[in-house]
PDB file of N, CA and C in Angstrom:
ATOM      1  N   MET A   1      43.593 161.218 110.147  1.00  0.00           N
ATOM      2  CA  MET A   1      44.452 161.979 109.510  1.00  0.00           C
ATOM      3  C   MET A   1      45.058 162.620 110.887  1.00  0.00           C
ATOM      4  N   THR A   2      46.468 162.833 111.012  1.00  0.00           N
ATOM      5  CA  THR A   2      47.276 163.206 112.351  1.00  0.00           C
ATOM      6  C   THR A   2      46.541 164.680 112.704  1.00  0.00           C
ATOM      7  N   THR A   3      46.666 165.347 113.803  1.00  0.00           N
ATOM      8  CA  THR A   3      46.226 166.535 113.971  1.00  0.00           C
ATOM      9  C   THR A   3      47.966 167.145 114.254  1.00  0.00           C
ATOM     10  N   HIS A   4      47.928 168.324 113.763  1.00  0.00           N
ATOM     11  CA  HIS A   4      49.300 168.886 113.836  1.00  0.00           C
ATOM     12  C   HIS A   4      49.117 170.062 114.627  1.00  0.00           C
ATOM     13  N   SER A   5      50.461 170.702 115.294  1.00  0.00           N
ATOM     14  CA  SER A   5      50.224 171.914 115.967  1.00  0.00           C
ATOM     15  C   SER A   5      50.407 172.861 115.012  1.00  0.00           C
ATOM     16  N   ASP A   6      50.107 174.332 115.424  1.00  0.00           N
ATOM     17  CA  ASP A   6      50.202 175.302 114.430  1.00  0.00           C
ATOM     18  C   ASP A   6      51.636 175.461 113.759  1.00  0.00           C
ATOM     19  N   ASP A   7      52.338 175.196 114.631  1.00  0.00           N
ATOM     20  CA  ASP A   7      53.723 175.298 113.806  1.00  0.00           C
ATOM     21  C   ASP A   7      53.877 174.417 112.952  1.00  0.00           C
ATOM     22  N   ALA A   8      53.524 172.885 112.784  1.00  0.00           N
ATOM     23  CA  ALA A   8      53.278 171.852 112.099  1.00  0.00           C
ATOM     24  C   ALA A   8      52.623 172.335 110.779  1.00  0.00           C
ATOM     25  N   ALA A   9      51.580 172.711 110.989  1.00  0.00           N
ATOM     26  CA  ALA A   9      50.609 173.053 109.847  1.00  0.00           C
ATOM     27  C   ALA A   9      51.107 174.091 109.098  1.00  0.00           C
ATOM     28  N   ASP A  10      51.975 174.949 109.305  1.00  0.00           N
ATOM     29  CA  ASP A  10      52.605 176.063 108.364  1.00  0.00           C
ATOM     30  C   ASP A  10      53.371 175.028 107.335  1.00  0.00           C
ATOM     31  N   GLY A  11      53.984 174.210 107.624  1.00  0.00           N
ATOM     32  CA  GLY A  11      54.613 173.456 106.705  1.00  0.00           C
ATOM     33  C   GLY A  11      55.926 173.733 106.565  1.00  0.00           C
ATOM     34  N   VAL A  12      56.627 172.627 105.881  1.00  0.00           N
ATOM     35  CA  VAL A  12      58.016 172.547 105.553  1.00  0.00           C
ATOM     36  C   VAL A  12      58.168 172.676 104.053  1.00  0.00           C
ATOM     37  N   VAL A  13      59.256 173.499 103.589  1.00  0.00           N
ATOM     38  CA  VAL A  13      59.508 173.414 101.993  1.00  0.00           C
ATOM     39  C   VAL A  13      60.964 173.287 101.905  1.00  0.00           C
ATOM     40  N   VAL A  14      61.259 172.332 100.934  1.00  0.00           N
ATOM     41  CA  VAL A  14      62.523 172.027 100.636  1.00  0.00           C
ATOM     42  C   VAL A  14      62.923 172.789  99.428  1.00  0.00           C
ATOM     43  N   LEU A  15      63.982 173.789  99.473  1.00  0.00           N
ATOM     44  CA  LEU A  15      64.729 174.311  98.443  1.00  0.00           C
ATOM     45  C   LEU A  15      65.805 173.655  97.929  1.00  0.00           C
ATOM     46  N   TYR A  16      65.667 172.976  96.654  1.00  0.00           N
ATOM     47  CA  TYR A  16      66.729 172.213  95.984  1.00  0.00           C
ATOM     48  C   TYR A  16      67.593 172.902  95.174  1.00  0.00           C
ATOM     49  N   THR A  17      68.786 173.031  95.255  1.00  0.00           N
ATOM     50  CA  THR A  17      69.657 174.041  94.659  1.00  0.00           C
ATOM     51  C   THR A  17      70.994 173.450  93.950  1.00  0.00           C
ATOM     52  N   THR A  18      71.555 173.583  92.779  1.00  0.00           N
ATOM     53  CA  THR A  18      72.867 173.237  92.516  1.00  0.00           C
ATOM     54  C   THR A  18      73.888 174.272  92.662  1.00  0.00           C
ATOM     55  N   TRP A  19      74.893 173.897  92.871  1.00  0.00           N
ATOM     56  CA  TRP A  19      76.230 175.266  92.964  1.00  0.00           C
ATOM     57  C   TRP A  19      77.300 174.474  92.402  1.00  0.00           C
ATOM     58  N   PRO A  20      78.116 175.445  91.787  1.00  0.00           N
ATOM     59  CA  PRO A  20      79.520 175.233  91.301  1.00  0.00           C
ATOM     60  C   PRO A  20      80.498 174.438  92.361  1.00  0.00           C
ATOM     61  N   ASP A  21      80.396 175.038  93.592  1.00  0.00           N
ATOM     62  CA  ASP A  21      81.216 174.013  94.603  1.00  0.00           C
ATOM     63  C   ASP A  21      80.529 174.018  96.197  1.00  0.00           C
ATOM     64  N   GLY A  22      80.966 173.242  96.731  1.00  0.00           N
ATOM     65  CA  GLY A  22      80.430 173.196  98.010  1.00  0.00           C
ATOM     66  C   GLY A  22      80.977 174.194  99.107  1.00  0.00           C
ATOM     67  N   ALA A  23      81.867 174.659  98.797  1.00  0.00           N
ATOM     68  CA  ALA A  23      82.247 175.785  99.759  1.00  0.00           C
ATOM     69  C   ALA A  23      81.143 177.137  99.687  1.00  0.00           C
ATOM     70  N   GLY A  24      81.134 177.323  98.295  1.00  0.00           N
ATOM     71  CA  GLY A  24      79.887 178.497  98.062  1.00  0.00           C
ATOM     72  C   GLY A  24      78.551 177.992  98.721  1.00  0.00           C
ATOM     73  N   ALA A  25      78.228 176.977  98.536  1.00  0.00           N
ATOM     74  CA  ALA A  25      76.899 176.302  98.899  1.00  0.00           C
ATOM     75  C   ALA A  25      77.059 176.444 100.529  1.00  0.00           C
ATOM     76  N   GLN A  26      78.103 176.333 101.390  1.00  0.00           N
ATOM     77  CA  GLN A  26      78.202 176.263 102.649  1.00  0.00           C
ATOM     78  C   GLN A  26      78.507 177.705 103.115  1.00  0.00           C
ATOM     79  N   THR A  27      78.898 178.632 102.553  1.00  0.00           N
ATOM     80  CA  THR A  27      78.753 179.784 102.821  1.00  0.00           C
ATOM     81  C   THR A  27      77.586 180.613 102.667  1.00  0.00           C
ATOM     82  N   VAL A  28      76.507 180.334 101.944  1.00  0.00           N
ATOM     83  CA  VAL A  28      75.514 180.546 101.661  1.00  0.00           C
ATOM     84  C   VAL A  28      74.344 180.002 102.683  1.00  0.00           C
ATOM     85  N   ALA A  29      74.722 178.747 102.928  1.00  0.00           N
ATOM     86  CA  ALA A  29      73.903 178.247 103.996  1.00  0.00           C
ATOM     87  C   ALA A  29      74.091 178.799 105.431  1.00  0.00           C
ATOM     88  N   GLN A  30      75.454 179.354 105.694  1.00  0.00           N
ATOM     89  CA  GLN A  30      75.724 179.634 106.888  1.00  0.00           C
ATOM     90  C   GLN A  30      75.038 181.102 107.062  1.00  0.00           C
ATOM     91  N   THR A  31      75.092 181.837 105.979  1.00  0.00           N
ATOM     92  CA  THR A  31      74.571 183.257 105.781  1.00  0.00           C
ATOM     93  C   THR A  31      72.867 183.031 106.308  1.00  0.00           C
ATOM     94  N   MET A  32      72.323 182.026 105.458  1.00  0.00           N
ATOM     95  CA  MET A  32      70.749 182.076 105.644  1.00  0.00           C
ATOM     96  C   MET A  32      70.352 181.306 106.961  1.00  0.00           C
ATOM     97  N   LEU A  33      71.470 180.748 107.693  1.00  0.00           N
ATOM     98  CA  LEU A  33      71.097 180.324 109.058  1.00  0.00           C
ATOM     99  C   LEU A  33      71.158 181.370 110.130  1.00  0.00           C
ATOM    100  N   ASP A  34      72.017 182.389 110.068  1.00  0.00           N
ATOM    101  CA  ASP A  34      72.174 183.550 110.686  1.00  0.00           C
ATOM    102  C   ASP A  34      70.967 184.276 110.510  1.00  0.00           C
ATOM    103  N   GLU A  35      70.631 184.593 109.126  1.00  0.00           N
ATOM    104  CA  GLU A  35      69.426 185.268 108.872  1.00  0.00           C
ATOM    105  C   GLU A  35      68.188 184.505 109.107  1.00  0.00           C
ATOM    106  N   LYS A  36      68.110 183.062 109.781  1.00  0.00           N
ATOM    107  CA  LYS A  36      66.892 182.668 110.181  1.00  0.00           C
ATOM    108  C   LYS A  36      65.877 182.324 109.293  1.00  0.00           C
ATOM    109  N   LEU A  37      66.457 182.225 108.068  1.00  0.00           N
ATOM    110  CA  LEU A  37      65.758 182.061 106.676  1.00  0.00           C
ATOM    111  C   LEU A  37      65.437 180.296 106.557  1.00  0.00           C
ATOM    112  N   ILE A  38      66.459 179.751 106.990  1.00  0.00           N
ATOM    113  CA  ILE A  38      66.459 178.253 107.009  1.00  0.00           C
ATOM    114  C   ILE A  38      66.661 177.854 108.469  1.00  0.00           C
ATOM    115  N   ALA A  39      66.151 176.316 108.347  1.00  0.00           N
ATOM    116  CA  ALA A  39      66.420 175.572 109.665  1.00  0.00           C
ATOM    117  C   ALA A  39      67.656 174.629 109.422  1.00  0.00           C
ATOM    118  N   CYS A  40      68.089 174.526 108.245  1.00  0.00           N
ATOM    119  CA  CYS A  40      69.248 173.542 108.178  1.00  0.00           C
ATOM    120  C   CYS A  40      69.523 173.219 106.534  1.00  0.00           C
ATOM    121  N   ALA A  41      70.773 173.051 106.265  1.00  0.00           N
ATOM    122  CA  ALA A  41      70.973 172.680 104.958  1.00  0.00           C
ATOM    123  C   ALA A  41      71.908 171.297 104.751  1.00  0.00           C
ATOM    124  N   ASN A  42      71.241 170.589 103.728  1.00  0.00           N
ATOM    125  CA  ASN A  42      72.382 169.352 103.360  1.00  0.00           C
ATOM    126  C   ASN A  42      73.120 169.547 102.088  1.00  0.00           C
ATOM    127  N   ILE A  43      74.332 169.628 102.260  1.00  0.00           N
ATOM    128  CA  ILE A  43      75.217 169.743 101.139  1.00  0.00           C
ATOM    129  C   ILE A  43      75.812 168.579 100.698  1.00  0.00           C
ATOM    130  N   PHE A  44      75.598 168.038  99.508  1.00  0.00           N
ATOM    131  CA  PHE A  44      76.143 166.970  98.612  1.00  0.00           C
ATOM    132  C   PHE A  44      77.243 166.866  98.033  1.00  0.00           C
ATOM    133  N   PRO A  45      78.034 166.197  98.183  1.00  0.00           N
ATOM    134  CA  PRO A  45      79.321 165.934  97.416  1.00  0.00           C
ATOM    135  C   PRO A  45      79.166 166.324  95.800  1.00  0.00           C
ATOM    136  N   ALA A  46      80.132 167.152  95.131  1.00  0.00           N
ATOM    137  CA  ALA A  46      79.941 167.005  93.936  1.00  0.00           C
ATOM    138  C   ALA A  46      79.645 165.962  92.811  1.00  0.00           C
ATOM    139  N   GLY A  47      78.753 166.111  91.953  1.00  0.00           N
ATOM    140  CA  GLY A  47      78.133 165.018  91.214  1.00  0.00           C
ATOM    141  C   GLY A  47      78.473 166.141  89.635  1.00  0.00           C
ATOM    142  N   ARG A  48      78.130 164.941  88.621  1.00  0.00           N
ATOM    143  CA  ARG A  48      77.913 165.519  87.520  1.00  0.00           C
ATOM    144  C   ARG A  48      76.589 166.106  86.854  1.00  0.00           C
ATOM    145  N   SER A  49      76.422 167.138  86.214  1.00  0.00           N
ATOM    146  CA  SER A  49      75.411 167.473  85.786  1.00  0.00           C
ATOM    147  C   SER A  49      75.554 167.679  84.307  1.00  0.00           C
ATOM    148  N   VAL A  50      74.518 167.203  83.483  1.00  0.00           N
ATOM    149  CA  VAL A  50      74.410 167.584  81.908  1.00  0.00           C
ATOM    150  C   VAL A  50      73.052 168.373  81.698  1.00  0.00           C
ATOM    151  N   PHE A  51      73.604 169.266  80.772  1.00  0.00           N
ATOM    152  CA  PHE A  51      72.153 170.272  80.497  1.00  0.00           C
ATOM    153  C   PHE A  51      72.707 170.959  79.582  1.00  0.00           C
ATOM    154  N   CYS A  52      71.619 171.679  79.008  1.00  0.00           N
ATOM    155  CA  CYS A  52      71.414 172.497  77.735  1.00  0.00           C
ATOM    156  C   CYS A  52      71.745 174.090  78.217  1.00  0.00           C
ATOM    157  N   TRP A  53      72.460 174.791  77.884  1.00  0.00           N
ATOM    158  CA  TRP A  53      72.486 175.953  78.236  1.00  0.00           C
ATOM    159  C   TRP A  53      73.091 176.956  77.156  1.00  0.00           C
ATOM    160  N   GLU A  54      72.213 177.840  76.528  1.00  0.00           N
ATOM    161  CA  GLU A  54      72.417 178.790  75.516  1.00  0.00           C
ATOM    162  C   GLU A  54      72.525 177.984  74.157  1.00  0.00           C
ATOM    163  N   GLY A  55      71.676 176.671  74.173  1.00  0.00           N
ATOM    164  CA  GLY A  55      71.895 176.285  72.763  1.00  0.00           C
ATOM    165  C   GLY A  55      72.990 175.103  72.649  1.00  0.00           C
ATOM    166  N   GLU A  56      73.727 175.007  73.866  1.00  0.00           N
ATOM    167  CA  GLU A  56      74.928 174.027  74.002  1.00  0.00           C
ATOM    168  C   GLU A  56      74.763 172.957  75.037  1.00  0.00           C
ATOM    169  N   VAL A  57      75.045 171.727  74.848  1.00  0.00           N
ATOM    170  CA  VAL A  57      75.011 170.423  75.567  1.00  0.00           C
ATOM    171  C   VAL A  57      76.196 170.767  76.574  1.00  0.00           C
ATOM    172  N   ARG A  58      76.049 171.055  77.971  1.00  0.00           N
ATOM    173  CA  ARG A  58      77.190 171.062  78.732  1.00  0.00           C
ATOM    174  C   ARG A  58      77.333 169.969  79.685  1.00  0.00           C
ATOM    175  N   THR A  59      78.465 169.636  80.224  1.00  0.00           N
ATOM    176  CA  THR A  59      78.577 168.694  81.196  1.00  0.00           C
ATOM    177  C   THR A  59      79.407 169.261  82.402  1.00  0.00           C
ATOM    178  N   GLU A  60      79.049 169.403  83.458  1.00  0.00           N
ATOM    179  CA  GLU A  60      79.813 170.294  84.432  1.00  0.00           C
ATOM    180  C   GLU A  60      79.568 169.566  85.854  1.00  0.00           C
ATOM    181  N   THR A  61      80.613 169.655  86.795  1.00  0.00           N
ATOM    182  CA  THR A  61      80.417 169.434  88.209  1.00  0.00           C
ATOM    183  C   THR A  61      79.821 170.132  88.850  1.00  0.00           C
ATOM    184  N   GLU A  62      78.544 169.682  89.657  1.00  0.00           N
ATOM    185  CA  GLU A  62      77.974 170.761  90.659  1.00  0.00           C
ATOM    186  C   GLU A  62      77.880 170.170  91.821  1.00  0.00           C
ATOM    187  N   THR A  63      77.727 170.902  92.959  1.00  0.00           N
ATOM    188  CA  THR A  63      77.161 170.368  94.167  1.00  0.00           C
ATOM    189  C   THR A  63      75.751 170.650  94.507  1.00  0.00           C
ATOM    190  N   VAL A  64      74.879 169.434  94.878  1.00  0.00           N
ATOM    191  CA  VAL A  64      73.549 169.868  95.280  1.00  0.00           C
ATOM    192  C   VAL A  64      73.513 170.479  96.803  1.00  0.00           C
ATOM    193  N   ALA A  65      72.468 171.315  97.155  1.00  0.00           N
ATOM    194  CA  ALA A  65      72.342 171.579  98.297  1.00  0.00           C
ATOM    195  C   ALA A  65      70.828 171.703  98.572  1.00  0.00           C
ATOM    196  N   LEU A  66      70.413 171.255  99.719  1.00  0.00           N
ATOM    197  CA  LEU A  66      68.829 171.083 100.247  1.00  0.00           C
ATOM    198  C   LEU A  66      69.011 172.030 101.247  1.00  0.00           C
ATOM    199  N   PHE A  67      68.072 173.119 101.128  1.00  0.00           N
ATOM    200  CA  PHE A  67      67.644 174.087 102.140  1.00  0.00           C
ATOM    201  C   PHE A  67      66.353 173.638 102.661  1.00  0.00           C
ATOM    202  N   LYS A  68      66.015 173.816 103.863  1.00  0.00           N
ATOM    203  CA  LYS A  68      65.077 173.295 104.608  1.00  0.00           C
ATOM    204  C   LYS A  68      64.568 174.355 105.193  1.00  0.00           C
ATOM    205  N   THR A  69      63.197 174.905 105.088  1.00  0.00           N
ATOM    206  CA  THR A  69      62.818 176.326 105.545  1.00  0.00           C
ATOM    207  C   THR A  69      61.169 176.018 105.998  1.00  0.00           C
ATOM    208  N   SER A  70      60.692 176.770 106.700  1.00  0.00           N
ATOM    209  CA  SER A  70      59.124 176.760 106.896  1.00  0.00           C
ATOM    210  C   SER A  70      58.371 177.250 105.533  1.00  0.00           C
ATOM    211  N   LYS A  71      57.187 177.338 105.333  1.00  0.00           N
ATOM    212  CA  LYS A  71      56.377 177.766 104.390  1.00  0.00           C
ATOM    213  C   LYS A  71      56.546 178.919 104.260  1.00  0.00           C
ATOM    214  N   ALA A  72      55.957 179.736 105.593  1.00  0.00           N
ATOM    215  CA  ALA A  72      55.877 180.894 105.784  1.00  0.00           C
ATOM    216  C   ALA A  72      57.375 181.631 105.186  1.00  0.00           C
ATOM    217  N   ARG A  73      58.386 181.224 105.323  1.00  0.00           N
ATOM    218  CA  ARG A  73      59.717 181.954 105.269  1.00  0.00           C
ATOM    219  C   ARG A  73      60.092 181.338 103.687  1.00  0.00           C
ATOM    220  N   ALA A  74      59.670 180.511 102.914  1.00  0.00           N
ATOM    221  CA  ALA A  74      60.057 179.842 101.550  1.00  0.00           C
ATOM    222  C   ALA A  74      60.398 181.340 101.002  1.00  0.00           C
ATOM    223  N   GLY A  75      59.447 181.962 100.680  1.00  0.00           N
ATOM    224  CA  GLY A  75      59.549 183.178  99.486  1.00  0.00           C
ATOM    225  C   GLY A  75      60.885 183.933  99.700  1.00  0.00           C
ATOM    226  N   ALA A  76      60.795 184.324 101.188  1.00  0.00           N
ATOM    227  CA  ALA A  76      62.144 185.298 101.435  1.00  0.00           C
ATOM    228  C   ALA A  76      63.352 184.189 101.026  1.00  0.00           C
ATOM    229  N   ALA A  77      63.325 183.169 101.590  1.00  0.00           N
ATOM    230  CA  ALA A  77      64.749 181.842 101.298  1.00  0.00           C
ATOM    231  C   ALA A  77      64.695 181.902  99.784  1.00  0.00           C
ATOM    232  N   ARG A  78      63.990 181.885  99.116  1.00  0.00           N
ATOM    233  CA  ARG A  78      64.063 181.632  97.744  1.00  0.00           C
ATOM    234  C   ARG A  78      64.603 183.239  97.139  1.00  0.00           C
ATOM    235  N   THR A  79      64.202 184.252  97.366  1.00  0.00           N
ATOM    236  CA  THR A  79      64.739 185.555  97.217  1.00  0.00           C
ATOM    237  C   THR A  79      66.224 185.737  97.637  1.00  0.00           C
ATOM    238  N   ARG A  80      66.450 185.357  98.885  1.00  0.00           N
ATOM    239  CA  ARG A  80      67.773 185.608  99.322  1.00  0.00           C
ATOM    240  C   ARG A  80      68.806 184.991  98.646  1.00  0.00           C
ATOM    241  N   LEU A  81      68.405 183.242  98.314  1.00  0.00           N
ATOM    242  CA  LEU A  81      69.281 182.438  97.487  1.00  0.00           C
ATOM    243  C   LEU A  81      69.673 182.902  96.059  1.00  0.00           C
ATOM    244  N   THR A  82      68.618 183.520  95.631  1.00  0.00           N
ATOM    245  CA  THR A  82      68.807 184.316  94.288  1.00  0.00           C
ATOM    246  C   THR A  82      69.695 185.124  94.296  1.00  0.00           C
ATOM    247  N   GLU A  83      69.844 186.253  95.512  1.00  0.00           N
ATOM    248  CA  GLU A  83      70.657 187.227  95.669  1.00  0.00           C
ATOM    249  C   GLU A  83      72.046 186.653  95.832  1.00  0.00           C
ATOM    250  N   LEU A  84      72.253 185.616  96.684  1.00  0.00           N
ATOM    251  CA  LEU A  84      73.405 184.997  97.209  1.00  0.00           C
ATOM    252  C   LEU A  84      74.275 184.271  95.998  1.00  0.00           C
ATOM    253  N   HIS A  85      73.576 183.641  94.936  1.00  0.00           N
ATOM    254  CA  HIS A  85      73.946 182.625  94.276  1.00  0.00           C
ATOM    255  C   HIS A  85      74.583 183.026  93.030  1.00  0.00           C
ATOM    256  N   PRO A  86      75.996 182.373  93.024  1.00  0.00           N
ATOM    257  CA  PRO A  86      76.896 182.897  91.774  1.00  0.00           C
ATOM    258  C   PRO A  86      76.194 182.622  90.322  1.00  0.00           C
ATOM    259  N   TYR A  87      75.206 181.746  89.959  1.00  0.00           N
ATOM    260  CA  TYR A  87      74.857 181.318  88.576  1.00  0.00           C
ATOM    261  C   TYR A  87      73.814 182.794  88.116  1.00  0.00           C
ATOM    262  N   ASP A  88      73.755 183.013  86.859  1.00  0.00           N
ATOM    263  CA  ASP A  88      72.842 183.865  86.321  1.00  0.00           C
ATOM    264  C   ASP A  88      71.463 183.524  86.396  1.00  0.00           C
ATOM    265  N   GLU A  89      71.119 182.128  86.318  1.00  0.00           N
ATOM    266  CA  GLU A  89      70.067 181.453  86.385  1.00  0.00           C
ATOM    267  C   GLU A  89      69.852 180.546  87.275  1.00  0.00           C
ATOM    268  N   PRO A  90      70.141 180.373  88.807  1.00  0.00           N
ATOM    269  CA  PRO A  90      70.356 179.382  89.649  1.00  0.00           C
ATOM    270  C   PRO A  90      68.895 178.218  89.439  1.00  0.00           C
ATOM    271  N   CYS A  91      69.408 177.278  89.583  1.00  0.00           N
ATOM    272  CA  CYS A  91      68.435 176.287  89.938  1.00  0.00           C
ATOM    273  C   CYS A  91      68.235 176.220  91.386  1.00  0.00           C
ATOM    274  N   ILE A  92      66.726 176.842  91.527  1.00  0.00           N
ATOM    275  CA  ILE A  92      66.012 176.837  92.999  1.00  0.00           C
ATOM    276  C   ILE A  92      64.633 176.196  92.583  1.00  0.00           C
ATOM    277  N   LEU A  93      64.319 175.094  93.347  1.00  0.00           N
ATOM    278  CA  LEU A  93      63.327 174.192  93.028  1.00  0.00           C
ATOM    279  C   LEU A  93      62.558 174.054  94.460  1.00  0.00           C
ATOM    280  N   ALA A  94      61.262 174.752  94.603  1.00  0.00           N
ATOM    281  CA  ALA A  94      60.887 174.601  95.980  1.00  0.00           C
ATOM    282  C   ALA A  94      59.783 173.348  95.950  1.00  0.00           C
ATOM    283  N   LEU A  95      59.954 172.428  96.607  1.00  0.00           N
ATOM    284  CA  LEU A  95      59.437 170.905  97.402  1.00  0.00           C
ATOM    285  C   LEU A  95      58.839 171.054  98.506  1.00  0.00           C
ATOM    286  N   PRO A  96      57.408 171.324  98.296  1.00  0.00           N
ATOM    287  CA  PRO A  96      56.721 171.372  99.438  1.00  0.00           C
ATOM    288  C   PRO A  96      56.791 169.925 100.379  1.00  0.00           C
ATOM    289  N   ALA A  97      56.821 169.939 101.608  1.00  0.00           N
ATOM    290  CA  ALA A  97      56.791 168.639 102.149  1.00  0.00           C
ATOM    291  C   ALA A  97      55.002 167.945 102.535  1.00  0.00           C
ATOM    292  N   ASP A  98      55.108 167.032 102.575  1.00  0.00           N
ATOM    293  CA  ASP A  98      53.849 166.729 103.027  1.00  0.00           C
ATOM    294  C   ASP A  98      53.800 166.436 104.922  1.00  0.00           C
ATOM    295  N   THR A  99      53.315 167.400 105.237  1.00  0.00           N
ATOM    296  CA  THR A  99      53.539 167.054 106.836  1.00  0.00           C
ATOM    297  C   THR A  99      52.404 166.209 107.399  1.00  0.00           C
ATOM    298  N   ASP A 100      51.235 165.497 106.768  1.00  0.00           N
ATOM    299  CA  ASP A 100      50.926 164.315 107.125  1.00  0.00           C
ATOM    300  C   ASP A 100      52.079 163.001 107.384  1.00  0.00           C
ATOM    301  N   PHE A 101      52.729 163.433 106.463  1.00  0.00           N
ATOM    302  CA  PHE A 101      53.707 162.097 106.593  1.00  0.00           C
ATOM    303  C   PHE A 101      55.127 162.332 107.155  1.00  0.00           C
ATOM    304  N   SER A 102      55.406 163.435 107.361  1.00  0.00           N
ATOM    305  CA  SER A 102      56.422 163.969 108.231  1.00  0.00           C
ATOM    306  C   SER A 102      56.647 163.861 109.505  1.00  0.00           C
ATOM    307  N   ALA A 103      57.884 163.854 110.118  1.00  0.00           N
ATOM    308  CA  ALA A 103      57.896 163.601 111.528  1.00  0.00           C
ATOM    309  C   ALA A 103      57.412 165.056 112.037  1.00  0.00           C
ATOM    310  N   THR A 104      56.431 165.126 113.109  1.00  0.00           N
ATOM    311  CA  THR A 104      55.945 166.320 113.534  1.00  0.00           C
ATOM    312  C   THR A 104      56.745 167.187 114.225  1.00  0.00           C
ATOM    313  N   GLY A 105      57.817 166.498 114.966  1.00  0.00           N
ATOM    314  CA  GLY A 105      58.605 166.906 115.603  1.00  0.00           C
ATOM    315  C   GLY A 105      59.894 167.800 115.079  1.00  0.00           C
ATOM    316  N   PHE A 106      59.874 167.308 113.636  1.00  0.00           N
ATOM    317  CA  PHE A 106      60.988 167.932 112.801  1.00  0.00           C
ATOM    318  C   PHE A 106      60.187 169.141 112.226  1.00  0.00           C
ATOM    319  N   VAL A 107      59.299 169.127 111.519  1.00  0.00           N
ATOM    320  CA  VAL A 107      58.420 169.994 111.145  1.00  0.00           C
ATOM    321  C   VAL A 107      58.272 171.325 112.121  1.00  0.00           C
ATOM    322  N   GLN A 108      58.057 170.903 113.248  1.00  0.00           N
ATOM    323  CA  GLN A 108      57.968 171.891 114.359  1.00  0.00           C
ATOM    324  C   GLN A 108      59.283 172.462 114.503  1.00  0.00           C
ATOM    325  N   TRP A 109      60.420 171.800 114.588  1.00  0.00           N
ATOM    326  CA  TRP A 109      61.722 172.467 114.774  1.00  0.00           C
ATOM    327  C   TRP A 109      62.202 173.181 113.635  1.00  0.00           C
ATOM    328  N   VAL A 110      61.795 173.123 112.649  1.00  0.00           N
ATOM    329  CA  VAL A 110      61.680 173.894 111.158  1.00  0.00           C
ATOM    330  C   VAL A 110      61.185 175.407 111.556  1.00  0.00           C
ATOM    331  N   ALA A 111      59.861 175.404 111.719  1.00  0.00           N
ATOM    332  CA  ALA A 111      59.433 176.354 111.919  1.00  0.00           C
ATOM    333  C   ALA A 111      59.882 177.193 113.028  1.00  0.00           C
ATOM    334  N   SER A 112      60.132 176.514 114.389  1.00  0.00           N
ATOM    335  CA  SER A 112      60.687 177.371 115.346  1.00  0.00           C
ATOM    336  C   SER A 112      62.012 177.991 114.949  1.00  0.00           C
ATOM    337  N   GLU A 113      62.864 177.369 114.226  1.00  0.00           N
ATOM    338  CA  GLU A 113      64.272 177.813 113.687  1.00  0.00           C
ATOM    339  C   GLU A 113      64.159 178.844 112.719  1.00  0.00           C
ATOM    340  N   THR A 114      63.108 179.243 111.815  1.00  0.00           N
ATOM    341  CA  THR A 114      62.838 180.058 110.501  1.00  0.00           C
ATOM    342  C   THR A 114      61.936 181.319 111.444  1.00  0.00           C
ATOM    343  N   ARG A 115      61.600 181.451 112.577  1.00  0.00           N
ATOM    344  CA  ARG A 115      60.905 182.627 113.184  1.00  0.00           C
ATOM    345  C   ARG A 115      61.671 183.870 113.150  1.00  0.00           C
TER     346      ARG A 115
END
């Protein structure tokens, strides 16, 4: 097993989110970067989402954004995403990264950017 520094041991969490458009995701990503809640965000082109909401099957265009943060800041990042998100019930899924198989330098960078 690889030994990691204290920064890497904290861990990385990827917050998977969906958005009505890329512009909104971009605006929130910039805010969260400015607030040091995330190290980076990846925003993907709009795709189709099919889901059941309030008893009705819906098909809508949504943008996926991945927000990368440290484990220590994940709770605060989730809270802020919830505050800034336009949906009543936003999709925010926390996906912890396995630091044993992640690039140590990247994990350290995420930790340093979210202090």
